[in-house]
């Protein structure tokens, strides 16, 4: 199994922040320019432990830096959840209230607050 390292995609103006982080955390890194643009760079970071990986993820999210290079692990897909249809729940004694029906006049609703159903 080949070991994959995280790759951060950065613009020239944000590269100093990433380099400072790597130097402070004593992480090995390799910076290569991207072929697409002369202003974009790929920073490959060597991670040795899970704590370093979590810290790097928090740093990337805080600084809005795109993480790439991990294949499907970079952006996990959320499992499709089954949406349950809402069930109609009746409150006890709800049908016993003597409430006036809502009168609709144009787009405004009016309620009769003088109902003695409490």
N, C-alpha and C. Protein backbone atom coordinates (compact mmCIF):
# COMPACT_ATOMS: atom_id res chain seq x y z
N UNK A 1 0.84 -1.17 0.00
CA UNK A 1 0.00 0.00 0.00
C UNK A 1 0.89 1.24 0.00
N UNK A 2 0.74 2.07 -0.99
CA UNK A 2 1.54 3.28 -1.10
C UNK A 2 1.03 4.31 -0.10
N UNK A 3 1.95 4.97 0.54
CA UNK A 3 1.59 5.98 1.52
C UNK A 3 1.32 7.29 0.81
N UNK A 4 0.16 7.87 1.04
CA UNK A 4 -0.20 9.12 0.40
C UNK A 4 0.01 10.26 1.38
N UNK A 5 0.48 11.37 0.86
CA UNK A 5 0.70 12.55 1.69
C UNK A 5 -0.28 13.63 1.26
N UNK A 6 -0.72 14.46 2.19
CA UNK A 6 -1.65 15.53 1.82
C UNK A 6 -0.95 16.60 0.99
N UNK A 7 -1.70 17.13 0.06
CA UNK A 7 -1.20 18.20 -0.80
C UNK A 7 -2.15 19.39 -0.62
N UNK A 8 -1.58 20.55 -0.28
CA UNK A 8 -2.36 21.77 -0.15
C UNK A 8 -2.19 22.59 -1.41
N UNK A 9 -3.29 23.12 -1.92
CA UNK A 9 -3.25 24.00 -3.08
C UNK A 9 -3.33 25.44 -2.59
N UNK A 10 -2.38 26.26 -3.03
CA UNK A 10 -2.32 27.62 -2.51
C UNK A 10 -1.94 28.60 -3.60
N UNK A 11 -2.39 29.81 -3.43
CA UNK A 11 -1.97 30.93 -4.28
C UNK A 11 -0.67 31.49 -3.71
N UNK A 12 0.01 32.28 -4.51
CA UNK A 12 1.28 32.86 -4.10
C UNK A 12 1.14 33.71 -2.84
N UNK A 13 0.04 34.45 -2.70
CA UNK A 13 -0.14 35.34 -1.55
C UNK A 13 -0.33 34.58 -0.23
N UNK A 14 -0.81 33.32 -0.27
CA UNK A 14 -1.06 32.54 0.94
C UNK A 14 0.05 31.56 1.27
N UNK A 15 1.07 31.48 0.44
CA UNK A 15 2.08 30.44 0.63
C UNK A 15 2.92 30.69 1.88
N UNK A 16 3.14 31.94 2.25
CA UNK A 16 3.96 32.24 3.43
C UNK A 16 3.30 31.71 4.71
N UNK A 17 1.99 31.78 4.79
CA UNK A 17 1.27 31.27 5.96
C UNK A 17 1.49 29.77 6.12
N UNK A 18 1.41 29.04 5.01
CA UNK A 18 1.59 27.58 5.05
C UNK A 18 3.02 27.23 5.40
N UNK A 19 3.98 27.93 4.83
CA UNK A 19 5.39 27.66 5.13
C UNK A 19 5.71 27.94 6.58
N UNK A 20 5.18 29.03 7.13
CA UNK A 20 5.38 29.34 8.55
C UNK A 20 4.80 28.24 9.43
N UNK A 21 3.61 27.74 9.07
CA UNK A 21 2.99 26.65 9.84
C UNK A 21 3.88 25.41 9.81
N UNK A 22 4.36 25.05 8.64
CA UNK A 22 5.21 23.85 8.51
C UNK A 22 6.50 24.00 9.30
N UNK A 23 7.09 25.18 9.27
CA UNK A 23 8.32 25.41 10.03
C UNK A 23 8.06 25.38 11.54
N UNK A 24 6.96 25.96 11.99
CA UNK A 24 6.61 25.95 13.42
C UNK A 24 6.33 24.54 13.92
N UNK A 25 5.67 23.73 13.11
CA UNK A 25 5.32 22.37 13.50
C UNK A 25 6.40 21.34 13.17
N UNK A 26 7.48 21.79 12.55
CA UNK A 26 8.61 20.93 12.16
C UNK A 26 8.15 19.81 11.22
N UNK A 27 7.37 20.20 10.20
CA UNK A 27 6.88 19.26 9.20
C UNK A 27 7.74 19.39 7.94
N UNK A 28 8.01 18.26 7.30
CA UNK A 28 8.71 18.31 6.03
C UNK A 28 7.72 18.69 4.94
N UNK A 29 8.16 19.48 3.97
CA UNK A 29 7.27 19.90 2.91
C UNK A 29 8.04 20.10 1.62
N UNK A 30 7.31 19.99 0.52
CA UNK A 30 7.86 20.20 -0.82
C UNK A 30 6.90 21.12 -1.56
N UNK A 31 7.44 22.18 -2.14
CA UNK A 31 6.62 23.14 -2.87
C UNK A 31 6.94 23.02 -4.35
N UNK A 32 5.88 22.83 -5.16
CA UNK A 32 6.05 22.78 -6.61
C UNK A 32 5.02 23.67 -7.27
N UNK A 33 5.41 24.40 -8.32
CA UNK A 33 4.42 25.22 -9.03
C UNK A 33 3.49 24.35 -9.85
N UNK A 34 2.25 24.79 -9.99
CA UNK A 34 1.28 24.05 -10.79
C UNK A 34 1.42 24.45 -12.25
N UNK A 35 1.14 23.51 -13.13
CA UNK A 35 1.26 23.76 -14.56
C UNK A 35 0.12 24.64 -15.08
N UNK A 36 -0.98 24.68 -14.36
CA UNK A 36 -2.16 25.42 -14.80
C UNK A 36 -1.91 26.93 -14.75
N UNK A 37 -1.32 27.40 -13.68
CA UNK A 37 -1.12 28.83 -13.49
C UNK A 37 0.22 29.07 -12.82
N UNK A 38 0.83 30.19 -13.12
CA UNK A 38 2.11 30.51 -12.49
C UNK A 38 1.92 31.04 -11.07
N UNK A 39 0.68 31.33 -10.68
CA UNK A 39 0.39 31.87 -9.36
C UNK A 39 -0.07 30.79 -8.37
N UNK A 40 -0.29 29.55 -8.83
CA UNK A 40 -0.75 28.46 -7.98
C UNK A 40 0.41 27.52 -7.65
N UNK A 41 0.39 27.02 -6.40
CA UNK A 41 1.44 26.11 -5.95
C UNK A 41 0.81 24.91 -5.25
N UNK A 42 1.51 23.78 -5.30
CA UNK A 42 1.14 22.58 -4.56
C UNK A 42 2.18 22.39 -3.47
N UNK A 43 1.73 22.27 -2.23
CA UNK A 43 2.62 22.05 -1.10
C UNK A 43 2.33 20.66 -0.57
N UNK A 44 3.28 19.76 -0.73
CA UNK A 44 3.15 18.38 -0.25
C UNK A 44 3.76 18.34 1.15
N UNK A 45 2.98 17.86 2.11
CA UNK A 45 3.40 17.90 3.51
C UNK A 45 3.55 16.48 4.04
N UNK A 46 4.69 16.23 4.69
CA UNK A 46 4.95 14.92 5.29
C UNK A 46 4.35 14.86 6.69
N UNK A 47 3.38 13.98 6.89
CA UNK A 47 2.69 13.81 8.17
C UNK A 47 3.13 12.49 8.78
N UNK A 48 3.54 12.55 10.06
CA UNK A 48 4.03 11.35 10.73
C UNK A 48 3.02 10.76 11.72
N UNK A 49 2.09 11.56 12.22
CA UNK A 49 1.16 11.04 13.22
C UNK A 49 -0.24 11.57 12.96
N UNK A 50 -1.20 10.96 13.63
CA UNK A 50 -2.60 11.36 13.47
C UNK A 50 -2.84 12.75 14.06
N UNK A 51 -2.12 13.09 15.13
CA UNK A 51 -2.27 14.41 15.73
C UNK A 51 -1.81 15.50 14.77
N UNK A 52 -0.74 15.24 14.04
CA UNK A 52 -0.27 16.20 13.05
C UNK A 52 -1.29 16.34 11.92
N UNK A 53 -1.91 15.24 11.54
CA UNK A 53 -2.90 15.27 10.48
C UNK A 53 -4.13 16.07 10.90
N UNK A 54 -4.58 15.88 12.12
CA UNK A 54 -5.74 16.62 12.62
C UNK A 54 -5.42 18.11 12.72
N UNK A 55 -4.23 18.42 13.24
CA UNK A 55 -3.82 19.82 13.35
C UNK A 55 -3.72 20.48 11.98
N UNK A 56 -3.19 19.75 10.99
CA UNK A 56 -3.09 20.29 9.64
C UNK A 56 -4.48 20.53 9.05
N UNK A 57 -5.40 19.61 9.27
CA UNK A 57 -6.77 19.78 8.79
C UNK A 57 -7.44 20.99 9.41
N UNK A 58 -7.24 21.20 10.70
CA UNK A 58 -7.81 22.36 11.38
C UNK A 58 -7.19 23.65 10.83
N UNK A 59 -5.87 23.63 10.60
CA UNK A 59 -5.19 24.79 10.05
C UNK A 59 -5.71 25.11 8.65
N UNK A 60 -5.85 24.09 7.82
CA UNK A 60 -6.32 24.29 6.45
C UNK A 60 -7.75 24.84 6.43
N UNK A 61 -8.58 24.32 7.29
CA UNK A 61 -9.97 24.79 7.33
C UNK A 61 -10.06 26.22 7.85
N UNK A 62 -9.27 26.54 8.86
CA UNK A 62 -9.27 27.88 9.44
C UNK A 62 -8.81 28.92 8.43
N UNK A 63 -7.83 28.56 7.60
CA UNK A 63 -7.28 29.49 6.62
C UNK A 63 -7.88 29.33 5.22
N UNK A 64 -8.92 28.51 5.12
CA UNK A 64 -9.64 28.28 3.86
C UNK A 64 -8.69 27.85 2.75
N UNK A 65 -7.88 26.84 3.04
CA UNK A 65 -6.93 26.29 2.08
C UNK A 65 -7.47 24.96 1.59
N UNK A 66 -7.41 24.76 0.29
CA UNK A 66 -7.95 23.53 -0.32
C UNK A 66 -6.96 22.38 -0.13
N UNK A 67 -7.46 21.26 0.37
CA UNK A 67 -6.64 20.06 0.56
C UNK A 67 -6.93 19.12 -0.61
N UNK A 68 -5.88 18.64 -1.25
CA UNK A 68 -6.01 17.72 -2.38
C UNK A 68 -4.94 16.65 -2.23
N UNK A 69 -4.95 15.67 -3.10
CA UNK A 69 -3.89 14.67 -3.11
C UNK A 69 -4.16 13.43 -2.30
N UNK A 70 -5.32 13.30 -1.70
CA UNK A 70 -5.64 12.10 -0.95
C UNK A 70 -6.68 11.24 -1.65
N UNK A 71 -6.97 11.55 -2.87
CA UNK A 71 -7.96 10.76 -3.61
C UNK A 71 -9.34 10.91 -3.01
N UNK A 72 -9.99 9.78 -2.72
CA UNK A 72 -11.34 9.81 -2.17
C UNK A 72 -11.35 10.20 -0.70
N UNK A 73 -10.21 10.17 -0.04
CA UNK A 73 -10.18 10.51 1.37
C UNK A 73 -10.23 12.01 1.60
N UNK A 74 -9.90 12.81 0.61
CA UNK A 74 -9.86 14.25 0.79
C UNK A 74 -11.24 14.82 1.08
N UNK A 75 -12.24 14.41 0.35
CA UNK A 75 -13.60 14.89 0.56
C UNK A 75 -14.53 13.70 0.63
N UNK A 76 -14.79 13.19 1.84
CA UNK A 76 -15.66 12.02 1.95
C UNK A 76 -17.08 12.35 1.52
N UNK A 77 -17.68 11.39 0.86
CA UNK A 77 -19.05 11.56 0.42
C UNK A 77 -19.99 11.18 1.56
N UNK A 78 -20.98 12.00 1.75
CA UNK A 78 -21.98 11.73 2.78
C UNK A 78 -22.88 10.60 2.30
N UNK A 79 -23.17 9.63 3.15
CA UNK A 79 -24.06 8.54 2.73
C UNK A 79 -25.46 9.07 2.49
N UNK A 80 -26.10 8.52 1.49
CA UNK A 80 -27.46 8.93 1.17
C UNK A 80 -28.39 8.50 2.29
N UNK A 81 -29.03 9.45 2.88
CA UNK A 81 -29.93 9.12 3.98
C UNK A 81 -31.35 9.03 3.46
N UNK A 82 -32.08 8.12 4.03
CA UNK A 82 -33.49 7.96 3.66
C UNK A 82 -34.29 8.98 4.43
N UNK A 83 -35.05 9.76 3.70
CA UNK A 83 -35.87 10.77 4.34
C UNK A 83 -37.21 10.15 4.71
N UNK A 84 -37.47 10.13 5.98
CA UNK A 84 -38.74 9.60 6.46
C UNK A 84 -39.81 10.68 6.30
N UNK A 85 -40.96 10.26 5.85
CA UNK A 85 -42.05 11.21 5.71
C UNK A 85 -42.55 11.57 7.10
N UNK A 86 -42.82 12.84 7.34
CA UNK A 86 -43.27 13.24 8.67
C UNK A 86 -44.63 12.63 8.98
N UNK A 87 -44.73 12.10 10.17
CA UNK A 87 -45.99 11.51 10.61
C UNK A 87 -46.82 12.58 11.29
N UNK A 88 -48.11 12.48 11.10
CA UNK A 88 -49.00 13.45 11.71
C UNK A 88 -49.20 13.07 13.18
N UNK A 89 -48.83 13.97 14.05
CA UNK A 89 -48.93 13.71 15.49
C UNK A 89 -50.03 14.60 16.04
N UNK A 90 -50.95 13.98 16.74
CA UNK A 90 -52.03 14.76 17.33
C UNK A 90 -51.74 14.94 18.82
N UNK A 91 -51.87 16.16 19.27
CA UNK A 91 -51.64 16.46 20.68
C UNK A 91 -52.89 16.05 21.46
N UNK A 92 -52.71 15.59 22.69
CA UNK A 92 -53.88 15.21 23.48
C UNK A 92 -54.78 16.41 23.76
N UNK A 93 -56.04 16.24 23.49
CA UNK A 93 -57.00 17.30 23.76
C UNK A 93 -57.04 18.37 22.70
N UNK A 94 -56.31 18.20 21.61
CA UNK A 94 -56.27 19.22 20.57
C UNK A 94 -57.62 19.38 19.88
N UNK A 95 -58.30 18.27 19.69
CA UNK A 95 -59.60 18.35 19.01
C UNK A 95 -60.68 18.95 19.91
N UNK A 96 -60.42 19.04 21.20
CA UNK A 96 -61.41 19.55 22.13
C UNK A 96 -61.39 21.06 22.24
N UNK A 97 -60.40 21.73 21.66
CA UNK A 97 -60.31 23.19 21.75
C UNK A 97 -61.42 23.84 20.93
N UNK A 98 -61.93 24.93 21.43
CA UNK A 98 -62.97 25.68 20.74
C UNK A 98 -62.34 26.89 20.07
N UNK A 99 -61.44 26.67 19.16
CA UNK A 99 -60.74 27.76 18.50
C UNK A 99 -61.48 28.17 17.25
N UNK A 100 -61.43 29.45 16.98
CA UNK A 100 -62.02 30.00 15.77
C UNK A 100 -61.12 29.65 14.59
N UNK A 101 -61.69 29.36 13.44
CA UNK A 101 -60.85 29.12 12.27
C UNK A 101 -60.14 30.41 11.85
N UNK A 102 -59.01 30.25 11.22
CA UNK A 102 -58.22 31.39 10.78
C UNK A 102 -58.90 32.03 9.58
N UNK A 103 -59.06 33.34 9.65
CA UNK A 103 -59.68 34.07 8.56
C UNK A 103 -58.56 34.68 7.72
N UNK A 104 -58.59 34.39 6.43
CA UNK A 104 -57.55 34.88 5.55
C UNK A 104 -58.08 36.03 4.72
N UNK A 105 -57.43 37.19 4.83
CA UNK A 105 -57.82 38.37 4.08
C UNK A 105 -56.61 38.79 3.24
N UNK A 106 -56.62 38.47 1.98
CA UNK A 106 -55.48 38.80 1.12
C UNK A 106 -54.27 38.01 1.57
N UNK A 107 -53.19 38.71 1.89
CA UNK A 107 -51.98 38.04 2.35
C UNK A 107 -51.80 38.15 3.85
N UNK A 108 -52.73 38.81 4.55
CA UNK A 108 -52.63 38.97 6.00
C UNK A 108 -53.50 37.94 6.70
N UNK A 109 -53.03 37.46 7.81
CA UNK A 109 -53.80 36.54 8.63
C UNK A 109 -54.26 37.26 9.87
N UNK A 110 -55.47 36.96 10.31
CA UNK A 110 -55.96 37.55 11.55
C UNK A 110 -56.43 36.43 12.47
N UNK A 111 -56.19 36.60 13.74
CA UNK A 111 -56.56 35.61 14.73
C UNK A 111 -57.48 36.25 15.75
N UNK A 112 -58.41 35.46 16.26
CA UNK A 112 -59.29 35.94 17.31
C UNK A 112 -58.67 35.55 18.64
N UNK A 113 -58.17 36.53 19.37
CA UNK A 113 -57.47 36.27 20.64
C UNK A 113 -58.43 36.22 21.83
N UNK A 114 -59.70 36.44 21.63
CA UNK A 114 -60.67 36.44 22.70
C UNK A 114 -61.36 35.10 22.86
N UNK A 115 -60.68 34.02 22.53
CA UNK A 115 -61.26 32.69 22.63
C UNK A 115 -61.01 32.19 24.05
N UNK A 116 -62.02 31.63 24.73
CA UNK A 116 -61.89 31.14 26.08
C UNK A 116 -61.67 29.64 26.09
N UNK A 117 -60.70 29.16 25.34
CA UNK A 117 -60.45 27.71 25.27
C UNK A 117 -59.34 27.26 26.20
N UNK A 118 -58.80 28.14 27.01
CA UNK A 118 -57.67 27.75 27.88
C UNK A 118 -58.20 27.16 29.10
